[in-house]
Amino acid sequence: MRNNTLLIQERIMALIEHPRSPIAGKLEGVHLFHYDGAPCAQRVRFALHEKGLSRGREVKFDAGDPVSCAGQQGAWVSRQVSLVKKDHLTEAYALIQPNLVVPALVHDGRLHIESMDIVEYLDEAFGGAPLVPKNDTAVMEDATGLTRLGKELHRSIRFVTFRWGLRGLARLSKEDEEQLRDLLKNGNDTEQLVNFYEGYDRQSIPETIYEEHLEKLNAAFRDHEHRLSDGRDFLTGSDLTMADVIWAMKTLRLIECGYPFEQCFPLYFAWFQRISQRPSFREGVMGKHRLMSSAFKFKARLENLLGIGLKREVLMRVT
């Protein structure tokens, strides 16, 4: 009962009752503000496709004309928020997503933020096999616990992937930093982005901090490996749940950074392979992300060959 209450409270917090953006209230059907390479947005795309909604037409993220605002039957409208072009650091996007991150989803004029809360909303709003197993209390509590752990380790993914994946590519200019501080000056920095970028851009974050975040992830993967040792197909048993959704996208991002899952956690790697073969993953997650994903994997292989990649750091701690 406690987990149910917490989930309801979180979904209420993730629903923006009075959006500041003039666009949100005009949107019909399902519109997703997202970026193809962002794990949080990938979770929502995975869930949308699990629910039978395919990727529809592409419109500008800030387009408010009648044609752009129209819905699309059986599909979701794609509104790309380019993290490369810094679309998320614009006033237009801040009015939609006050935390300046992707994704945000609008369904018939109602704005939702926070990726896993969006997944839970979609699970209730659309058909298909449930991702939140309400009929089995034990499985639901297990899935809720794993999902909560995934949320808690969200910042760890950022620290690890920025340090051993994006590296200098993710640093902000002084102008972008100032824009970030200005947009978050009203206290909406729930992601602690200002503090993170101040340290990251100046390369002043101690190496031990990165290592601590890596070890937190290693510990979680050890636990996942153990739970999969009984032969189950998914993290909580025989059925796909929201726990698989959140952890699969974290795993994809770390694979793109060179994390040696196959070598360190073979059962967990096999689990990810099963997830990655689902049509919802191939189409919803990887559909327009394949080229970028391949580029990151190639970069990671080179860094691992040179002994400066994530693989070396993991093997020092796991084996």
Protein backbone atom coordinates (compact mmCIF):
# COMPACT_ATOMS: atom_id res chain seq x y z
CA MET A 1 0.00 0.00 0.00
CA ARG A 2 2.84 2.39 0.84
CA ASN A 3 4.43 1.88 -2.60
CA ASN A 4 1.06 2.54 -4.29
CA THR A 5 0.67 5.78 -2.34
CA LEU A 6 4.19 6.93 -3.24
CA LEU A 7 3.63 6.17 -6.92
CA ILE A 8 0.39 8.17 -6.94
CA GLN A 9 2.06 11.12 -5.17
CA GLU A 10 4.97 11.11 -7.62
CA ARG A 11 2.66 11.03 -10.64
CA ILE A 12 0.71 13.98 -9.25
CA MET A 13 3.98 15.91 -8.85
CA ALA A 14 4.99 14.96 -12.42
CA LEU A 15 1.75 16.37 -13.87
CA ILE A 16 2.08 20.10 -14.47
CA GLU A 17 -1.41 21.43 -13.82
CA HIS A 18 -0.84 24.94 -15.17
CA PRO A 19 1.99 24.86 -17.74
CA ARG A 20 3.74 28.15 -18.35
CA SER A 21 4.18 27.26 -22.01
CA PRO A 22 1.45 28.51 -24.36
CA ILE A 23 2.05 25.45 -26.54
CA ALA A 24 1.21 22.62 -24.13
CA GLY A 25 -2.50 23.31 -23.81
CA LYS A 26 -2.95 23.38 -27.59
CA LEU A 27 -1.47 19.94 -28.26
CA GLU A 28 -3.81 17.15 -29.31
CA GLY A 29 -2.99 13.48 -28.95
CA VAL A 30 0.46 12.44 -27.75
CA HIS A 31 3.47 14.73 -28.25
CA LEU A 32 6.89 13.76 -26.91
CA PHE A 33 9.66 16.30 -26.32
CA HIS A 34 12.79 14.16 -26.46
CA TYR A 35 16.29 13.55 -27.77
CA ASP A 36 17.19 10.25 -29.44
CA GLY A 37 20.37 9.68 -27.43
CA ALA A 38 19.00 10.53 -23.97
CA PRO A 39 18.33 7.45 -21.78
CA CYS A 40 15.42 9.08 -19.95
CA ALA A 41 13.69 9.83 -23.25
CA GLN A 42 14.51 6.35 -24.54
CA ARG A 43 12.54 4.82 -21.65
CA VAL A 44 9.44 6.71 -22.67
CA ARG A 45 9.82 5.83 -26.35
CA PHE A 46 10.23 2.16 -25.37
CA ALA A 47 7.01 2.33 -23.32
CA LEU A 48 5.11 4.13 -26.08
CA HIS A 49 5.98 1.37 -28.54
CA GLU A 50 5.16 -1.34 -25.99
CA LYS A 51 1.73 0.30 -25.80
CA GLY A 52 1.30 0.13 -29.56
CA LEU A 53 2.05 3.76 -30.44
CA SER A 54 4.53 4.18 -33.28
CA ARG A 55 6.72 7.18 -34.02
CA GLY A 56 4.79 9.70 -36.06
CA ARG A 57 5.70 12.90 -37.80
CA GLU A 58 8.53 15.21 -36.74
CA VAL A 59 7.83 18.82 -35.80
CA LYS A 60 9.96 21.54 -34.21
CA PHE A 61 9.91 21.32 -30.44
CA ASP A 62 8.55 24.86 -30.09
CA ALA A 63 6.11 24.79 -33.02
CA GLY A 64 2.68 26.07 -31.99
CA ASP A 65 0.83 26.33 -35.30
CA PRO A 66 -2.39 24.28 -35.74
CA VAL A 67 -0.85 21.68 -38.04
CA SER A 68 2.06 21.02 -35.67
CA CYS A 69 -0.27 20.84 -32.66
CA ALA A 70 -2.56 18.23 -34.19
CA GLY A 71 -2.37 14.66 -32.96
CA GLN A 72 -1.73 11.55 -35.03
CA GLN A 73 -3.89 8.45 -34.77
CA GLY A 74 -2.01 5.43 -33.39
CA ALA A 75 1.24 7.37 -33.13
CA TRP A 76 3.10 9.95 -31.08
CA VAL A 77 4.30 13.23 -32.53
CA SER A 78 8.07 13.67 -32.23
CA ARG A 79 9.37 17.01 -30.98
CA GLN A 80 13.16 16.76 -30.95
CA VAL A 81 14.93 18.82 -28.31
CA SER A 82 18.54 18.76 -29.48
CA LEU A 83 20.98 18.58 -26.59
CA VAL A 84 23.78 19.26 -29.07
CA LYS A 85 22.20 22.51 -30.23
CA LYS A 86 21.32 23.33 -26.59
CA ASP A 87 17.58 23.49 -27.30
CA HIS A 88 17.03 22.49 -23.68
CA LEU A 89 18.70 25.71 -22.54
CA THR A 90 16.17 27.94 -24.27
CA GLU A 91 13.38 29.92 -22.64
CA ALA A 92 10.85 28.14 -24.87
CA TYR A 93 11.80 24.74 -23.52
CA ALA A 94 12.14 25.96 -19.92
CA LEU A 95 8.45 26.90 -20.08
CA ILE A 96 7.67 23.28 -20.99
CA GLN A 97 10.19 21.41 -18.80
CA PRO A 98 11.30 23.56 -15.85
CA ASN A 99 14.13 21.13 -15.04
CA LEU A 100 15.69 21.68 -18.51
CA VAL A 101 15.97 17.95 -19.22
CA VAL A 102 14.24 15.56 -21.59
CA PRO A 103 11.67 14.14 -21.85
CA ALA A 104 8.36 15.89 -21.42
CA LEU A 105 5.11 14.46 -22.72
CA VAL A 106 1.81 16.10 -23.51
CA HIS A 107 -1.35 14.02 -23.89
CA ASP A 108 -4.38 15.98 -25.02
CA GLY A 109 -3.12 19.21 -23.51
CA ARG A 110 -1.90 17.77 -20.21
CA LEU A 111 1.83 18.11 -19.55
CA HIS A 112 3.80 15.36 -17.80
CA ILE A 113 7.48 15.42 -16.80
CA GLU A 114 9.80 12.85 -15.14
CA SER A 115 10.44 9.84 -17.38
CA MET A 116 9.41 6.93 -15.15
CA ASP A 117 6.28 8.75 -14.00
CA ILE A 118 5.44 9.21 -17.67
CA VAL A 119 5.97 5.47 -18.20
CA GLU A 120 3.54 4.72 -15.36
CA TYR A 121 1.03 7.19 -16.79
CA LEU A 122 1.24 5.57 -20.24
CA ASP A 123 0.76 2.17 -18.64
CA GLU A 124 -2.59 3.31 -17.26
CA ALA A 125 -3.69 5.41 -20.24
CA PHE A 126 -3.09 2.86 -23.00
CA GLY A 127 -3.59 -0.86 -23.56
CA GLY A 128 -1.13 -3.72 -23.87
CA ALA A 129 0.58 -5.86 -21.27
CA PRO A 130 1.00 -3.93 -17.99
CA LEU A 131 4.43 -2.56 -17.11
CA VAL A 132 3.28 -1.96 -13.53
CA PRO A 133 2.06 -5.38 -12.30
CA LYS A 134 -0.83 -4.38 -10.04
CA ASN A 135 -2.27 -7.90 -9.68
CA ASP A 136 0.82 -9.35 -8.01
CA THR A 137 1.78 -7.43 -4.88
CA ALA A 138 5.18 -9.10 -4.48
CA VAL A 139 6.21 -8.44 -8.09
CA MET A 140 4.88 -4.89 -7.94
CA GLU A 141 6.87 -4.12 -4.80
CA ASP A 142 9.98 -5.68 -6.36
CA ALA A 143 9.54 -3.70 -9.58
CA THR A 144 8.89 -0.52 -7.60
CA GLY A 145 12.01 -1.06 -5.51
CA LEU A 146 14.21 -1.64 -8.56
CA THR A 147 12.71 1.38 -10.28
CA ARG A 148 13.35 3.54 -7.23
CA LEU A 149 16.97 2.32 -7.13
CA GLY A 150 17.30 3.23 -10.79
CA LYS A 151 16.05 6.73 -10.05
CA GLU A 152 18.47 7.07 -7.14
CA LEU A 153 21.38 6.14 -9.40
CA HIS A 154 20.36 8.57 -12.13
CA ARG A 155 23.13 10.99 -11.16
CA SER A 156 25.65 8.15 -11.07
CA ILE A 157 24.92 7.45 -14.74
CA ARG A 158 25.55 11.12 -15.50
CA PHE A 159 28.88 11.19 -13.66
CA VAL A 160 30.14 7.95 -15.21
CA THR A 161 29.02 8.60 -18.78
CA PHE A 162 30.29 12.18 -18.79
CA ARG A 163 33.66 11.14 -17.34
CA TRP A 164 34.30 8.05 -19.50
CA GLY A 165 31.97 8.64 -22.43
CA LEU A 166 31.20 12.20 -23.43
CA ARG A 167 34.32 13.72 -21.84
CA GLY A 168 35.01 17.16 -23.31
CA LEU A 169 32.10 16.91 -25.74
CA ALA A 170 29.64 17.67 -22.95
CA ARG A 171 31.28 20.77 -21.50
CA LEU A 172 29.28 23.97 -21.63
CA SER A 173 30.60 27.33 -22.75
CA LYS A 174 30.58 30.22 -20.28
CA GLU A 175 27.56 31.62 -22.11
CA ASP A 176 25.69 28.31 -21.84
CA GLU A 177 26.54 28.05 -18.15
CA GLU A 178 25.18 31.53 -17.55
CA GLN A 179 22.03 30.67 -19.48
CA LEU A 180 21.60 27.52 -17.39
CA ARG A 181 21.91 29.45 -14.13
CA ASP A 182 19.50 32.11 -15.35
CA LEU A 183 16.82 29.62 -16.41
CA LEU A 184 17.09 27.71 -13.13
CA LYS A 185 17.27 30.75 -10.85
CA ASN A 186 13.74 30.14 -9.56
CA GLY A 187 14.80 27.01 -7.71
CA ASN A 188 13.84 24.33 -10.24
CA ASP A 189 17.27 22.71 -10.31
CA THR A 190 16.09 19.30 -9.09
CA GLU A 191 18.74 17.68 -11.31
CA GLN A 192 21.52 19.72 -9.64
CA LEU A 193 22.72 20.72 -13.09
CA VAL A 194 24.27 24.04 -12.08
CA ASN A 195 26.45 22.46 -9.43
CA PHE A 196 27.42 19.58 -11.72
CA TYR A 197 28.42 21.71 -14.69
CA GLU A 198 30.34 24.18 -12.54
CA GLY A 199 32.58 21.31 -11.47
CA TYR A 200 32.57 19.41 -14.74
CA ASP A 201 33.35 22.35 -17.00
CA ARG A 202 36.26 23.40 -14.78
CA GLN A 203 37.45 19.80 -14.35
CA SER A 204 37.39 20.32 -10.59
CA ILE A 205 35.32 17.26 -9.63
CA PRO A 206 37.65 14.91 -7.71
CA GLU A 207 38.35 11.61 -9.46
CA THR A 208 37.19 9.81 -6.32
CA ILE A 209 33.67 11.18 -6.87
CA TYR A 210 33.50 9.61 -10.33
CA GLU A 211 34.84 6.35 -8.91
CA GLU A 212 32.25 6.34 -6.12
CA HIS A 213 29.44 6.69 -8.64
CA LEU A 214 30.92 3.89 -10.74
CA GLU A 215 31.05 1.59 -7.73
CA LYS A 216 27.40 2.32 -6.91
CA LEU A 217 26.49 1.12 -10.39
CA ASN A 218 28.77 -1.91 -10.11
CA ALA A 219 27.03 -2.89 -6.88
CA ALA A 220 23.62 -2.67 -8.54
CA PHE A 221 24.76 -4.84 -11.44
CA ARG A 222 26.13 -7.43 -9.02
CA ASP A 223 22.69 -7.62 -7.43
CA HIS A 224 20.99 -7.91 -10.82
CA GLU A 225 23.37 -10.69 -11.83
CA HIS A 226 22.47 -12.58 -8.66
CA ARG A 227 18.72 -12.24 -9.13
CA LEU A 228 18.99 -13.47 -12.74
CA SER A 229 20.89 -16.59 -11.64
CA ASP A 230 17.59 -18.45 -11.06
CA GLY A 231 16.89 -18.46 -14.80
CA ARG A 232 14.23 -15.75 -14.89
CA ASP A 233 13.77 -13.86 -18.15
CA PHE A 234 13.31 -10.41 -16.64
CA LEU A 235 14.47 -8.62 -13.51
CA THR A 236 11.35 -9.36 -11.49
CA GLY A 237 10.35 -12.69 -13.01
CA SER A 238 8.73 -13.96 -16.20
CA ASP A 239 7.21 -10.67 -17.38
CA LEU A 240 8.61 -7.33 -18.52
CA THR A 241 8.04 -4.54 -15.99
CA MET A 242 8.99 -0.90 -15.50
CA ALA A 243 12.13 -2.13 -13.73
CA ASP A 244 13.40 -3.62 -16.99
CA VAL A 245 12.57 -0.38 -18.78
CA ILE A 246 14.64 1.88 -16.54
CA TRP A 247 17.63 -0.45 -16.26
CA ALA A 248 17.79 -1.37 -19.95
CA MET A 249 18.31 2.25 -20.98
CA LYS A 250 21.00 2.77 -18.36
CA THR A 251 22.71 -0.34 -19.67
CA LEU A 252 22.56 0.80 -23.28
CA ARG A 253 24.21 4.09 -22.38
CA LEU A 254 26.99 2.35 -20.47
CA ILE A 255 27.57 -0.13 -23.30
CA GLU A 256 28.01 2.88 -25.58
CA CYS A 257 30.71 4.03 -23.13
CA GLY A 258 32.51 0.68 -23.22
CA TYR A 259 31.27 -0.97 -20.00
CA PRO A 260 32.25 -4.70 -20.23
CA PHE A 261 28.91 -6.26 -19.22
CA GLU A 262 29.46 -9.46 -21.19
CA GLN A 263 32.74 -10.09 -19.38
CA CYS A 264 31.70 -9.01 -15.88
CA PHE A 265 28.00 -9.82 -15.67
CA PRO A 266 27.12 -12.40 -18.37
CA LEU A 267 23.60 -13.16 -17.10
CA TYR A 268 22.77 -9.48 -16.95
CA PHE A 269 24.22 -8.99 -20.43
CA ALA A 270 22.03 -11.85 -21.72
CA TRP A 271 19.02 -10.15 -20.12
CA PHE A 272 19.87 -6.93 -21.95
CA GLN A 273 20.19 -8.84 -25.21
CA ARG A 274 16.65 -10.17 -24.73
CA ILE A 275 15.35 -6.66 -24.11
CA SER A 276 17.21 -5.27 -27.12
CA GLN A 277 15.53 -7.78 -29.45
CA ARG A 278 12.05 -6.53 -28.66
CA PRO A 279 10.44 -4.50 -31.48
CA SER A 280 9.80 -1.67 -29.01
CA PHE A 281 13.55 -1.42 -28.40
CA ARG A 282 14.63 -1.83 -32.03
CA GLU A 283 12.11 0.72 -33.29
CA GLY A 284 11.28 2.96 -30.34
CA VAL A 285 14.76 3.28 -28.85
CA MET A 286 17.18 2.58 -31.68
CA GLY A 287 15.13 3.68 -34.69
CA LYS A 288 16.94 6.98 -35.22
CA HIS A 289 19.68 6.43 -32.68
CA ARG A 290 21.68 3.69 -34.44
CA LEU A 291 24.24 5.96 -36.08
CA MET A 292 24.98 7.91 -32.91
CA SER A 293 25.08 4.70 -30.87
CA SER A 294 27.55 3.12 -33.29
CA ALA A 295 29.75 6.22 -33.15
CA PHE A 296 29.85 6.14 -29.35
CA LYS A 297 30.66 2.41 -29.34
CA PHE A 298 33.49 2.94 -31.84
CA LYS A 299 34.91 5.75 -29.72
CA ALA A 300 34.68 3.54 -26.61
CA ARG A 301 36.47 0.64 -28.34
CA LEU A 302 39.36 2.92 -29.27
CA GLU A 303 39.63 4.30 -25.73
CA ASN A 304 39.52 0.80 -24.27
CA LEU A 305 42.27 -0.33 -26.65
CA LEU A 306 44.37 2.63 -25.52
CA GLY A 307 43.77 1.72 -21.89
CA ILE A 308 42.00 4.97 -21.04
CA GLY A 309 38.42 3.77 -21.32
CA LEU A 310 35.71 2.66 -18.93
CA LYS A 311 36.53 -1.03 -19.37
CA ARG A 312 39.80 -0.72 -17.49
CA GLU A 313 38.15 1.13 -14.61
CA VAL A 314 35.43 -1.50 -14.27
CA LEU A 315 37.76 -4.51 -14.48
CA MET A 316 39.91 -3.03 -11.71
CA ARG A 317 36.88 -3.13 -9.42
CA VAL A 318 34.75 -6.07 -10.54
CA THR A 319 37.21 -8.86 -11.32
